């Protein structure tokens, strides 16, 4: 090998090694925690083996040396003040045994990134971190419940304005009353009400029928207490147990005993192939579900073929779409990334 080339290779290797060592050393120290990018021991000119008395002695000596009142001139006084703050901060961390242990833990475990923040702030906040976490979970649970309740109210109000559902609700009300009224009350009682009160009562009855007969799924479903974060955390062991039990039963029935799939299992496999959530799959029309079962989409080859057919059909519809044709002509004539002022 060429000696010059070999020397260059060694120099590059040494440089890379130095950069790696510097990166690891810098990674141990986090900006904003303890002494920042500086080592607290180096700031006080002590070692990790130094005793508490030695650390106190080093602090007093440095404090005398860098005290702002002992320096003349504005610039010298300002620099001394910055050094004095660094020394005081390092001493504050190392003089306390628990704080010093946390700092040593950060030096020895640079990968435990989030643990360092927890250890640092738990001693510097007057409020217990556990109380903060519990409060956050409670606030999230309340926001979660009321936001879902608001979305549910929006869905009900929307369906009350749709003629299809409104007429169906009025028809159900008429069928439920012997005298054929749609108010849910007797004519004698309604005669005592004003027109505004009669309209309000009618709206309440229509809303009640829609809520009882309309199965709203997805993000606008009726809020359940079991969907709240607090309840989910409490019942998590039970949920985990059910999940493990279900998977073990699935393996035993269909992999060991080789039993045929039932309709519920087929629908589960179809939903899994389509990568849909439970509420999304429940929103699918019944005739579509029947088509999925008829085409046996729980089998992966059948699903892949069906998906290919759907993609081809989508391409054909887009090809026949006038807007898509105009877009293709524009891209062909002008290309992407061109800004024009044409109509």
Protein backbone atom coordinates (compact mmCIF):
# COMPACT_ATOMS: atom_id res chain seq x y z
CA UNK A 1 0.00 0.00 0.00
CA UNK A 2 1.15 3.54 -0.71
CA UNK A 3 2.60 5.01 2.55
CA UNK A 4 0.95 8.36 1.87
CA UNK A 5 -2.41 6.68 1.28
CA UNK A 6 -2.00 4.59 4.42
CA UNK A 7 -1.20 7.69 6.46
CA UNK A 8 -4.28 9.44 5.12
CA UNK A 9 -6.44 6.44 6.00
CA UNK A 10 -5.11 6.35 9.58
CA UNK A 11 -5.67 10.09 10.00
CA UNK A 12 -9.28 9.81 8.80
CA UNK A 13 -9.89 6.85 11.14
CA UNK A 14 -8.48 8.74 14.12
CA UNK A 15 -10.59 11.79 13.26
CA UNK A 16 -13.77 9.69 13.03
CA UNK A 17 -12.96 8.01 16.35
CA UNK A 18 -12.45 11.39 18.01
CA UNK A 19 -15.77 12.62 16.65
CA UNK A 20 -17.54 9.50 17.93
CA UNK A 21 -16.00 9.91 21.39
CA UNK A 22 -16.97 13.57 21.42
CA UNK A 23 -20.52 12.71 20.36
CA UNK A 24 -20.91 10.13 23.12
CA UNK A 25 -19.45 12.52 25.69
CA UNK A 26 -21.77 15.34 24.57
CA UNK A 27 -24.75 13.01 24.52
CA UNK A 28 -24.28 12.33 28.23
CA UNK A 29 -24.98 16.01 28.99
CA UNK A 30 -28.37 17.50 28.11
CA UNK A 31 -28.99 21.18 27.57
CA UNK A 32 -31.33 22.56 30.22
CA UNK A 33 -30.66 19.84 32.81
CA UNK A 34 -28.26 20.24 35.72
CA UNK A 35 -25.17 22.08 34.38
CA UNK A 36 -26.21 21.84 30.75
CA UNK A 37 -23.43 20.81 28.38
CA UNK A 38 -20.81 21.29 31.11
CA UNK A 39 -19.81 18.65 33.63
CA UNK A 40 -20.69 19.76 37.15
CA UNK A 41 -17.61 18.04 38.56
CA UNK A 42 -15.35 19.85 36.11
CA UNK A 43 -16.99 23.18 36.91
CA UNK A 44 -16.01 22.78 40.59
CA UNK A 45 -12.68 21.14 39.67
CA UNK A 46 -13.48 17.98 41.66
CA UNK A 47 -13.98 14.29 40.81
CA UNK A 48 -16.84 11.86 41.29
CA UNK A 49 -14.93 10.32 44.19
CA UNK A 50 -14.72 13.65 46.05
CA UNK A 51 -16.46 13.81 49.40
CA UNK A 52 -19.10 16.32 50.40
CA UNK A 53 -16.55 18.28 52.42
CA UNK A 54 -14.14 18.45 49.47
CA UNK A 55 -16.91 19.72 47.20
CA UNK A 56 -17.87 22.40 49.75
CA UNK A 57 -14.25 23.47 50.10
CA UNK A 58 -13.80 23.73 46.32
CA UNK A 59 -17.01 25.77 46.06
CA UNK A 60 -15.92 28.27 48.72
CA UNK A 61 -12.56 28.78 47.04
CA UNK A 62 -14.08 29.34 43.61
CA UNK A 63 -16.83 31.55 45.04
CA UNK A 64 -14.23 33.83 46.58
CA UNK A 65 -12.30 33.93 43.32
CA UNK A 66 -15.26 34.72 41.06
CA UNK A 67 -17.49 36.80 43.36
CA UNK A 68 -18.65 39.84 41.33
CA UNK A 69 -17.89 42.31 44.15
CA UNK A 70 -14.21 41.43 44.00
CA UNK A 71 -13.82 42.49 40.36
CA UNK A 72 -13.47 45.96 38.92
CA UNK A 73 -14.92 47.13 35.65
CA UNK A 74 -18.29 46.40 34.13
CA UNK A 75 -17.06 43.71 31.69
CA UNK A 76 -14.95 41.89 34.31
CA UNK A 77 -17.81 42.08 36.82
CA UNK A 78 -20.26 40.63 34.25
CA UNK A 79 -17.94 37.73 33.34
CA UNK A 80 -17.33 36.99 37.03
CA UNK A 81 -21.08 36.99 37.65
CA UNK A 82 -21.64 34.39 34.89
CA UNK A 83 -18.87 32.19 36.32
CA UNK A 84 -20.27 32.60 39.81
CA UNK A 85 -23.71 31.43 38.62
CA UNK A 86 -22.15 28.34 36.99
CA UNK A 87 -20.28 27.49 40.18
CA UNK A 88 -23.35 28.02 42.39
CA UNK A 89 -25.47 25.84 40.10
CA UNK A 90 -22.93 23.02 40.10
CA UNK A 91 -22.61 23.19 43.89
CA UNK A 92 -26.38 23.14 44.33
CA UNK A 93 -26.53 19.87 42.36
CA UNK A 94 -23.56 18.12 43.96
CA UNK A 95 -24.06 19.13 47.60
CA UNK A 96 -27.33 17.18 47.88
CA UNK A 97 -26.85 13.42 47.97
CA UNK A 98 -30.04 12.52 46.09
CA UNK A 99 -29.49 15.18 43.43
CA UNK A 100 -25.90 14.01 43.03
CA UNK A 101 -27.09 10.41 42.58
CA UNK A 102 -29.50 11.53 39.87
CA UNK A 103 -26.71 13.39 38.11
CA UNK A 104 -24.40 10.36 38.29
CA UNK A 105 -27.24 8.24 36.92
CA UNK A 106 -27.47 10.55 33.90
CA UNK A 107 -23.73 10.26 33.29
CA UNK A 108 -23.84 6.47 33.54
CA UNK A 109 -27.07 5.96 31.56
CA UNK A 110 -27.11 8.40 28.64
CA UNK A 111 -29.79 6.39 26.80
CA UNK A 112 -32.44 6.85 29.51
CA UNK A 113 -33.39 10.20 28.01
CA UNK A 114 -36.89 10.70 29.43
CA UNK A 115 -35.91 9.29 32.81
CA UNK A 116 -33.40 12.12 33.21
CA UNK A 117 -36.13 14.73 32.78
CA UNK A 118 -38.34 12.98 35.33
CA UNK A 119 -35.55 12.66 37.88
CA UNK A 120 -34.54 16.30 37.38
CA UNK A 121 -37.96 17.96 37.60
CA UNK A 122 -39.47 15.79 40.31
CA UNK A 123 -37.22 17.49 42.88
CA UNK A 124 -37.66 20.98 41.48
CA UNK A 125 -41.44 21.11 41.41
CA UNK A 126 -43.49 21.67 44.52
CA UNK A 127 -46.32 19.54 43.15
CA UNK A 128 -45.88 15.77 43.09
CA UNK A 129 -45.43 14.47 39.57
CA UNK A 130 -47.97 11.72 40.26
CA UNK A 131 -50.61 14.32 41.03
CA UNK A 132 -49.79 16.09 37.77
CA UNK A 133 -50.13 12.83 35.83
CA UNK A 134 -53.46 11.98 37.50
CA UNK A 135 -54.75 15.49 36.82
CA UNK A 136 -53.75 15.26 33.15
CA UNK A 137 -55.53 11.90 32.79
CA UNK A 138 -58.65 13.37 34.42
CA UNK A 139 -58.65 16.42 32.14
CA UNK A 140 -58.11 14.27 29.05
CA UNK A 141 -60.98 11.99 30.13
CA UNK A 142 -63.36 14.92 30.61
CA UNK A 143 -62.42 16.50 27.28
CA UNK A 144 -62.72 13.12 25.60
CA UNK A 145 -66.22 12.49 26.98
CA UNK A 146 -67.69 15.94 26.32
CA UNK A 147 -66.18 16.17 22.83
CA UNK A 148 -67.76 12.83 21.92
CA UNK A 149 -71.03 13.95 23.44
CA UNK A 150 -70.90 17.14 21.37
CA UNK A 151 -70.24 15.17 18.16
CA UNK A 152 -73.14 12.86 19.01
CA UNK A 153 -75.45 15.85 19.49
CA UNK A 154 -74.33 17.23 16.12
CA UNK A 155 -75.11 13.89 14.45
CA UNK A 156 -78.60 13.70 16.01
CA UNK A 157 -79.40 17.29 15.01
CA UNK A 158 -78.22 16.55 11.47
CA UNK A 159 -80.38 13.43 11.11
CA UNK A 160 -83.38 15.36 12.44
CA UNK A 161 -83.03 17.73 9.47
CA UNK A 162 -82.76 14.95 6.85
CA UNK A 163 -86.25 14.32 5.38
CA UNK A 164 -85.62 10.59 5.01
CA UNK A 165 -85.00 10.00 8.71
CA UNK A 166 -87.43 12.65 9.91
CA UNK A 167 -90.36 11.20 7.93
CA UNK A 168 -89.47 7.70 9.09
CA UNK A 169 -89.48 8.86 12.72
CA UNK A 170 -92.87 10.54 12.29
CA UNK A 171 -94.22 7.38 10.70
CA UNK A 172 -93.02 5.30 13.67
CA UNK A 173 -94.67 7.78 16.05
CA UNK A 174 -97.98 7.54 14.21
CA UNK A 175 -97.88 3.75 14.29
CA UNK A 176 -97.14 3.75 18.02
CA UNK A 177 -100.20 5.87 18.85
CA UNK A 178 -103.72 4.37 18.67
CA UNK A 179 -105.33 7.65 17.57
CA UNK A 180 -102.81 8.18 14.77
CA UNK A 181 -101.18 11.27 16.24
CA UNK A 182 -97.45 11.76 15.92
CA UNK A 183 -96.91 13.71 19.11
CA UNK A 184 -96.60 10.88 21.55
CA UNK A 185 -99.40 12.40 23.70
CA UNK A 186 -103.21 12.62 23.63
CA UNK A 187 -105.15 15.26 21.65
CA UNK A 188 -106.75 16.42 24.86
CA UNK A 189 -103.37 17.12 26.42
CA UNK A 190 -102.04 18.79 23.28
CA UNK A 191 -105.01 21.15 23.09
CA UNK A 192 -103.83 22.81 26.29
CA UNK A 193 -100.39 23.54 24.78
CA UNK A 194 -99.50 26.48 22.63
CA UNK A 195 -98.25 25.98 19.08
CA UNK A 196 -94.66 26.58 20.15
CA UNK A 197 -94.97 24.02 22.96
CA UNK A 198 -96.60 21.51 20.61
CA UNK A 199 -93.76 21.95 18.12
CA UNK A 200 -91.18 21.55 20.88
CA UNK A 201 -92.85 18.36 22.11
CA UNK A 202 -92.99 17.00 18.57
CA UNK A 203 -89.27 17.68 18.09
CA UNK A 204 -88.48 15.88 21.33
CA UNK A 205 -90.45 12.83 20.23
CA UNK A 206 -88.76 12.77 16.81
CA UNK A 207 -85.38 13.01 18.49
CA UNK A 208 -86.27 10.17 20.85
CA UNK A 209 -87.30 7.89 17.98
CA UNK A 210 -84.16 8.69 16.00
CA UNK A 211 -81.95 7.97 19.01
CA UNK A 212 -83.72 4.66 19.65
CA UNK A 213 -83.70 3.40 16.09
CA UNK A 214 -80.63 4.92 14.45
CA UNK A 215 -77.36 3.09 15.08
CA UNK A 216 -74.69 5.79 14.82
CA UNK A 217 -71.18 4.38 14.61
CA UNK A 218 -67.69 5.79 14.33
CA UNK A 219 -66.56 9.15 15.67
CA UNK A 220 -70.17 10.36 16.07
CA UNK A 221 -71.35 7.36 18.10
CA UNK A 222 -73.05 7.85 21.44
CA UNK A 223 -70.38 8.28 24.13
CA UNK A 224 -69.86 5.30 26.40
CA UNK A 225 -68.32 5.45 29.85
CA UNK A 226 -66.03 2.55 28.91
CA UNK A 227 -64.43 4.64 26.14
CA UNK A 228 -63.01 7.18 28.57
CA UNK A 229 -59.27 7.08 29.20
CA UNK A 230 -59.63 6.69 32.98
CA UNK A 231 -61.90 3.66 32.61
CA UNK A 232 -59.66 2.20 29.92
CA UNK A 233 -56.69 2.40 32.26
CA UNK A 234 -58.62 0.81 35.13
CA UNK A 235 -59.95 -2.10 33.07
CA UNK A 236 -56.70 -2.57 31.14
CA UNK A 237 -55.77 -5.83 32.98
CA UNK A 238 -59.18 -7.26 32.14
CA UNK A 239 -58.88 -6.08 28.54
CA UNK A 240 -55.42 -7.64 28.25
CA UNK A 241 -56.73 -10.91 29.72
CA UNK A 242 -59.59 -11.00 27.21
CA UNK A 243 -57.20 -10.29 24.33
CA UNK A 244 -54.85 -13.12 25.34
CA UNK A 245 -57.77 -15.49 25.89
CA UNK A 246 -59.27 -14.63 22.49
CA UNK A 247 -55.98 -15.23 20.66
CA UNK A 248 -55.37 -18.53 22.44
CA UNK A 249 -58.92 -19.67 21.61
CA UNK A 250 -58.41 -18.64 17.97
CA UNK A 251 -55.17 -20.64 17.68
CA UNK A 252 -56.72 -23.67 19.39
CA UNK A 253 -59.92 -23.72 17.31
CA UNK A 254 -58.64 -22.86 13.84
CA UNK A 255 -54.97 -23.90 13.87
CA UNK A 256 -55.00 -26.98 16.08
CA UNK A 257 -58.54 -28.37 15.71
CA UNK A 258 -58.86 -27.06 12.11
CA UNK A 259 -62.48 -25.99 12.65
CA UNK A 260 -64.21 -24.04 9.85
CA UNK A 261 -64.72 -20.30 10.27
CA UNK A 262 -68.09 -19.02 11.43
CA UNK A 263 -69.69 -15.86 10.05
CA UNK A 264 -68.26 -13.72 12.86
CA UNK A 265 -64.74 -15.03 12.24
CA UNK A 266 -65.11 -14.51 8.49
CA UNK A 267 -66.16 -10.89 9.01
CA UNK A 268 -63.22 -10.37 11.36
CA UNK A 269 -60.76 -11.67 8.74
CA UNK A 270 -62.39 -9.53 6.04
CA UNK A 271 -62.08 -6.43 8.24
CA UNK A 272 -58.47 -7.33 8.98
CA UNK A 273 -57.68 -7.69 5.26
CA UNK A 274 -59.29 -4.33 4.55
CA UNK A 275 -57.46 -2.74 7.50
CA UNK A 276 -60.64 -1.12 8.81
CA UNK A 277 -61.54 -0.27 12.38
CA UNK A 278 -64.51 -1.81 14.15
CA UNK A 279 -66.70 1.27 13.78
CA UNK A 280 -65.65 1.75 10.16
CA UNK A 281 -66.59 -1.80 9.29
CA UNK A 282 -69.93 -1.53 11.08
CA UNK A 283 -70.77 1.48 8.90
CA UNK A 284 -70.53 -0.65 5.73
CA UNK A 285 -73.88 -1.27 4.01
CA UNK A 286 -75.43 -4.74 4.56
CA UNK A 287 -75.49 -5.51 0.83
CA UNK A 288 -71.74 -4.86 0.71
CA UNK A 289 -71.22 -7.23 3.63
CA UNK A 290 -73.21 -9.89 1.77
CA UNK A 291 -71.02 -9.36 -1.29
CA UNK A 292 -67.87 -9.75 0.81
CA UNK A 293 -69.16 -13.02 2.23
CA UNK A 294 -70.31 -14.27 -1.17
CA UNK A 295 -66.89 -13.62 -2.68
CA UNK A 296 -65.16 -15.20 0.34
CA UNK A 297 -62.92 -12.21 0.96
CA UNK A 298 -61.68 -13.67 4.23
CA UNK A 299 -59.31 -15.69 2.06
CA UNK A 300 -56.29 -13.59 1.13
CA UNK A 301 -56.12 -14.61 -2.60
CA UNK A 302 -59.80 -13.75 -3.08
CA UNK A 303 -59.31 -10.43 -1.31
CA UNK A 304 -56.26 -9.56 -3.44
CA UNK A 305 -58.22 -10.28 -6.61
CA UNK A 306 -61.20 -8.22 -5.39
CA UNK A 307 -58.91 -5.34 -4.46
CA UNK A 308 -57.29 -5.42 -7.90
CA UNK A 309 -60.75 -5.29 -9.51
CA UNK A 310 -61.72 -2.33 -7.34
CA UNK A 311 -58.55 -0.46 -8.29
CA UNK A 312 -59.13 -1.10 -11.99
CA UNK A 313 -62.73 0.08 -11.66
CA UNK A 314 -61.54 3.23 -9.91
CA UNK A 315 -59.05 3.89 -12.69
CA UNK A 316 -61.76 3.44 -15.31
CA UNK A 317 -64.10 5.85 -13.51
CA UNK A 318 -61.35 8.42 -13.18
CA UNK A 319 -60.49 8.03 -16.86
CA UNK A 320 -64.12 8.81 -17.75
CA UNK A 321 -64.26 11.75 -15.35
CA UNK A 322 -64.12 15.11 -17.26
CA UNK A 323 -62.19 16.84 -14.49
CA UNK A 324 -59.58 14.11 -14.39
CA UNK A 325 -59.25 14.28 -18.18
CA UNK A 326 -58.64 18.04 -17.95
CA UNK A 327 -56.06 17.48 -15.24
CA UNK A 328 -54.22 14.90 -17.38
CA UNK A 329 -54.21 17.26 -20.36
CA UNK A 330 -52.80 20.03 -18.20
CA UNK A 331 -50.06 17.78 -16.82
CA UNK A 332 -49.22 16.57 -20.33
CA UNK A 333 -49.02 20.07 -21.82
CA UNK A 334 -47.47 21.98 -18.93
CA UNK A 335 -45.94 19.43 -16.62
CA UNK A 336 -45.66 19.66 -12.82
CA UNK A 337 -44.08 22.60 -11.07
CA UNK A 338 -45.01 25.27 -13.63
CA UNK A 339 -46.83 28.37 -12.39
CA UNK A 340 -49.03 30.06 -15.03
CA UNK A 341 -51.77 32.67 -15.08
CA UNK A 342 -53.93 30.94 -17.69
CA UNK A 343 -57.67 30.57 -17.12
